[in-house]
Amino acid sequence: QASLIKKRAALQETPATWSNADEILVLVPPKDGQYWNVFNKMRETIPNVHISKLWRIQNHSLWSYYSFHKDRLLKNDIQANERRVWHRTRALEPSVIYQDKLDGFMMQYV
């Protein structure tokens, strides 16, 4: 199963915002347009939001899993019901979240 996931990931395009690096955790600086896109989206639901650091998680396995299932829905004329969700970490090391093997998102840190 792991080899199939790697083969699928090799065929899939990653998001245009991802760097080519093999890094999983990438710092997004305030000079990057993605930083302000995330900031503005967060302000829609959290008006007084403050971002001290913004990290992008580039998890190829989770991306492959997500996009495979999204493609399946679209091929069956089912609209994907996507939501934007935000993690806060405070003192929690971000790797605790992105190394989660179940789904890559831990509700207790929302």
C-alpha atoms as a PDB file:
ATOM      1  CA  GLN A   1       0.000   0.000   0.000  1.00  0.00           C
ATOM      2  CA  ALA A   2       2.853   2.400   0.782  1.00  0.00           C
ATOM      3  CA  SER A   3       4.343   1.907  -2.689  1.00  0.00           C
ATOM      4  CA  LEU A   4       0.949   2.637  -4.302  1.00  0.00           C
ATOM      5  CA  ILE A   5       0.669   5.863  -2.304  1.00  0.00           C
ATOM      6  CA  LYS A   6       4.155   6.901  -3.467  1.00  0.00           C
ATOM      7  CA  LYS A   7       3.301   6.113  -7.107  1.00  0.00           C
ATOM      8  CA  ARG A   8       0.085   8.127  -6.915  1.00  0.00           C
ATOM      9  CA  ALA A   9       1.861  11.030  -5.235  1.00  0.00           C
ATOM     10  CA  ALA A  10       4.444  11.081  -8.042  1.00  0.00           C
ATOM     11  CA  LEU A  11       1.641  11.442 -10.625  1.00  0.00           C
ATOM     12  CA  GLN A  12      -0.195  14.149  -8.710  1.00  0.00           C
ATOM     13  CA  GLU A  13       0.405  17.831  -8.883  1.00  0.00           C
ATOM     14  CA  THR A  14       1.033  19.463  -5.554  1.00  0.00           C
ATOM     15  CA  PRO A  15      -0.469  22.868  -4.721  1.00  0.00           C
ATOM     16  CA  ALA A  16       1.161  25.755  -6.581  1.00  0.00           C
ATOM     17  CA  THR A  17       2.045  27.398  -3.255  1.00  0.00           C
ATOM     18  CA  TRP A  18       4.228  24.473  -2.151  1.00  0.00           C
ATOM     19  CA  SER A  19       7.987  24.779  -2.411  1.00  0.00           C
ATOM     20  CA  ASN A  20       9.989  22.141  -4.246  1.00  0.00           C
ATOM     21  CA  ALA A  21      11.868  21.296  -1.098  1.00  0.00           C
ATOM     22  CA  ASP A  22      11.329  17.989   0.652  1.00  0.00           C
ATOM     23  CA  GLU A  23      10.565  19.912   3.816  1.00  0.00           C
ATOM     24  CA  ILE A  24       7.291  19.139   5.555  1.00  0.00           C
ATOM     25  CA  LEU A  25       7.136  22.303   7.645  1.00  0.00           C
ATOM     26  CA  VAL A  26       7.762  25.534   5.713  1.00  0.00           C
ATOM     27  CA  LEU A  27       7.760  29.000   7.267  1.00  0.00           C
ATOM     28  CA  VAL A  28       5.545  31.448   5.327  1.00  0.00           C
ATOM     29  CA  PRO A  29       6.939  34.965   5.821  1.00  0.00           C
ATOM     30  CA  PRO A  30       4.758  38.111   5.894  1.00  0.00           C
ATOM     31  CA  LYS A  31       6.202  39.195   2.525  1.00  0.00           C
ATOM     32  CA  ASP A  32       4.574  36.112   0.919  1.00  0.00           C
ATOM     33  CA  GLY A  33       1.100  36.642  -0.565  1.00  0.00           C
ATOM     34  CA  GLN A  34      -0.064  33.350   0.941  1.00  0.00           C
ATOM     35  CA  TYR A  35       0.548  34.785   4.426  1.00  0.00           C
ATOM     36  CA  TRP A  36      -1.910  37.625   3.788  1.00  0.00           C
ATOM     37  CA  ASN A  37      -4.397  35.317   2.095  1.00  0.00           C
ATOM     38  CA  VAL A  38      -4.474  33.129   5.210  1.00  0.00           C
ATOM     39  CA  PHE A  39      -4.585  36.196   7.487  1.00  0.00           C
ATOM     40  CA  ASN A  40      -7.599  37.643   5.624  1.00  0.00           C
ATOM     41  CA  LYS A  41      -9.425  34.289   5.607  1.00  0.00           C
ATOM     42  CA  MET A  42      -8.842  33.917   9.343  1.00  0.00           C
ATOM     43  CA  ARG A  43     -10.186  37.424   9.998  1.00  0.00           C
ATOM     44  CA  GLU A  44     -13.514  36.372   8.478  1.00  0.00           C
ATOM     45  CA  THR A  45     -14.159  34.172  11.526  1.00  0.00           C
ATOM     46  CA  ILE A  46     -11.645  35.511  14.068  1.00  0.00           C
ATOM     47  CA  PRO A  47     -11.747  39.333  13.728  1.00  0.00           C
ATOM     48  CA  ASN A  48      -8.952  40.051  16.240  1.00  0.00           C
ATOM     49  CA  VAL A  49      -6.592  37.350  15.019  1.00  0.00           C
ATOM     50  CA  HIS A  50      -2.857  37.763  15.556  1.00  0.00           C
ATOM     51  CA  ILE A  51      -0.353  35.567  13.743  1.00  0.00           C
ATOM     52  CA  SER A  52       3.082  35.324  15.311  1.00  0.00           C
ATOM     53  CA  LYS A  53       4.320  32.738  12.776  1.00  0.00           C
ATOM     54  CA  LEU A  54       2.647  30.979   9.891  1.00  0.00           C
ATOM     55  CA  TRP A  55       3.798  27.519   8.872  1.00  0.00           C
ATOM     56  CA  ARG A  56       2.672  25.591   5.813  1.00  0.00           C
ATOM     57  CA  ILE A  57       2.553  21.845   6.165  1.00  0.00           C
ATOM     58  CA  GLN A  58       3.510  20.052   2.949  1.00  0.00           C
ATOM     59  CA  ASN A  59       2.515  16.475   3.691  1.00  0.00           C
ATOM     60  CA  HIS A  60       2.590  14.554   0.414  1.00  0.00           C
ATOM     61  CA  SER A  61       0.884  11.453   1.817  1.00  0.00           C
ATOM     62  CA  LEU A  62      -2.051  13.413   3.232  1.00  0.00           C
ATOM     63  CA  TRP A  63      -2.295  15.518   0.074  1.00  0.00           C
ATOM     64  CA  SER A  64      -2.426  12.371  -2.045  1.00  0.00           C
ATOM     65  CA  TYR A  65      -5.149  10.885   0.175  1.00  0.00           C
ATOM     66  CA  TYR A  66      -7.186  14.109   0.152  1.00  0.00           C
ATOM     67  CA  SER A  67      -6.937  14.786  -3.575  1.00  0.00           C
ATOM     68  CA  PHE A  68      -7.697  11.170  -4.497  1.00  0.00           C
ATOM     69  CA  HIS A  69     -10.970  11.297  -2.571  1.00  0.00           C
ATOM     70  CA  LYS A  70     -11.832  14.770  -3.836  1.00  0.00           C
ATOM     71  CA  ASP A  71     -11.291  13.578  -7.430  1.00  0.00           C
ATOM     72  CA  ARG A  72     -13.534  10.566  -6.773  1.00  0.00           C
ATOM     73  CA  LEU A  73     -16.339  12.846  -5.585  1.00  0.00           C
ATOM     74  CA  LEU A  74     -16.010  15.165  -8.571  1.00  0.00           C
ATOM     75  CA  LYS A  75     -15.991  12.251 -11.057  1.00  0.00           C
ATOM     76  CA  ASN A  76     -19.297  11.141  -9.543  1.00  0.00           C
ATOM     77  CA  ASP A  77     -20.758  14.664  -9.827  1.00  0.00           C
ATOM     78  CA  ILE A  78     -20.655  15.175  -6.070  1.00  0.00           C
ATOM     79  CA  GLN A  79     -19.507  18.601  -4.917  1.00  0.00           C
ATOM     80  CA  ALA A  80     -16.730  18.411  -2.318  1.00  0.00           C
ATOM     81  CA  ASN A  81     -17.791  19.983   0.979  1.00  0.00           C
ATOM     82  CA  GLU A  82     -14.528  21.673   1.938  1.00  0.00           C
ATOM     83  CA  ARG A  83     -13.879  23.846   4.984  1.00  0.00           C
ATOM     84  CA  ARG A  84     -10.965  25.984   6.064  1.00  0.00           C
ATOM     85  CA  VAL A  85      -9.800  25.143   9.543  1.00  0.00           C
ATOM     86  CA  TRP A  86      -6.953  26.635  11.545  1.00  0.00           C
ATOM     87  CA  HIS A  87      -4.617  25.141  14.109  1.00  0.00           C
ATOM     88  CA  ARG A  88      -3.110  27.016  16.960  1.00  0.00           C
ATOM     89  CA  THR A  89      -0.064  25.491  18.523  1.00  0.00           C
ATOM     90  CA  ARG A  90       1.195  27.859  21.229  1.00  0.00           C
ATOM     91  CA  ALA A  91       3.854  25.743  22.938  1.00  0.00           C
ATOM     92  CA  LEU A  92       2.932  22.585  21.030  1.00  0.00           C
ATOM     93  CA  GLU A  93       5.530  21.533  18.503  1.00  0.00           C
ATOM     94  CA  PRO A  94       3.822  21.576  15.045  1.00  0.00           C
ATOM     95  CA  SER A  95       5.308  18.175  14.209  1.00  0.00           C
ATOM     96  CA  VAL A  96       2.864  16.630  16.695  1.00  0.00           C
ATOM     97  CA  ILE A  97       0.074  17.691  14.348  1.00  0.00           C
ATOM     98  CA  TYR A  98       1.588  16.955  10.958  1.00  0.00           C
ATOM     99  CA  GLN A  99       2.967  13.584  12.006  1.00  0.00           C
ATOM    100  CA  ASP A 100      -0.535  12.442  12.961  1.00  0.00           C
ATOM    101  CA  LYS A 101      -0.979   9.292  10.882  1.00  0.00           C
ATOM    102  CA  LEU A 102      -4.759   9.127  11.202  1.00  0.00           C
ATOM    103  CA  ASP A 103      -5.889  12.248   9.355  1.00  0.00           C
ATOM    104  CA  GLY A 104      -3.300  15.007   9.862  1.00  0.00           C
ATOM    105  CA  PHE A 105      -5.681  17.156  11.843  1.00  0.00           C
ATOM    106  CA  MET A 106      -6.145  17.067  15.600  1.00  0.00           C
ATOM    107  CA  MET A 107      -9.435  18.612  16.727  1.00  0.00           C
ATOM    108  CA  GLN A 108      -8.229  19.204  20.298  1.00  0.00           C
ATOM    109  CA  TYR A 109      -5.864  21.926  18.975  1.00  0.00           C
ATOM    110  CA  VAL A 110      -8.435  23.882  16.941  1.00  0.00           C
END
